[in-house]
């Protein structure tokens, strides 16, 4: 925005998605403030807020929960950057949504605290995020409904006439993801091939239901490391 200021997109508990002008970010004495503006940092802000103003100002900002493991873990940091891209391109609402805020906040804290394998965390996050974006899958996998139709957003009895669906194996795994909690994720298992395939299908699912989701790129890193 200027030599020392930036405009940041911030998802807030009280006001939903907002754009804030944050001054004095660059410079020798501003390292701490710049660190707070890293992707998906959990920050505490004091702001000057006026309704219907496109750009408000931040008076104070500080890190509310410093990440302990994410900055030093290539797997977790790669997941974080991917989730940042998904959230940045999918959330457009300016109204507060306490449920969505709590889901994001809790998920990020748990990612930082996880000590076991986190290779499926991004798949779980994307699946559960659809609850708040308006296209959570309808129905569940069963012998009677073994195919998930990405266009319709529901499980079907027969293979759809179009190619945008999950086969039986991926449909079963995806259905399992819809019922999991954070605590149950450690028991969820996928092969590398299944993980890569399901990630690609989930991105397609988002693209079909959100016009703002285009040209996702950060998933390529996840495909390389998991």
Foldseek 3Di string as FASTA:
>chain_A
DDPFKDWAWDADQAFGTAIEIEGRCDDDPNPQVVVCRDQPFAKDWDWDDDPPDRYTYTPDMHGPDDQDPQVPDPLNVLLRVLVSLVCVLQDDDRHHDNVLVVLSVVLNVVSSVDPDDCLCSSVLSLQQNCVVSPQRADDADDCQFQKQALLVRYTHRDDDPDPLIDGRVLRNLSRVSNPDDPVCPRVRDDDLVSSVVSVVSSLVSCVNVGVSRDDRDSCVVSNVPD
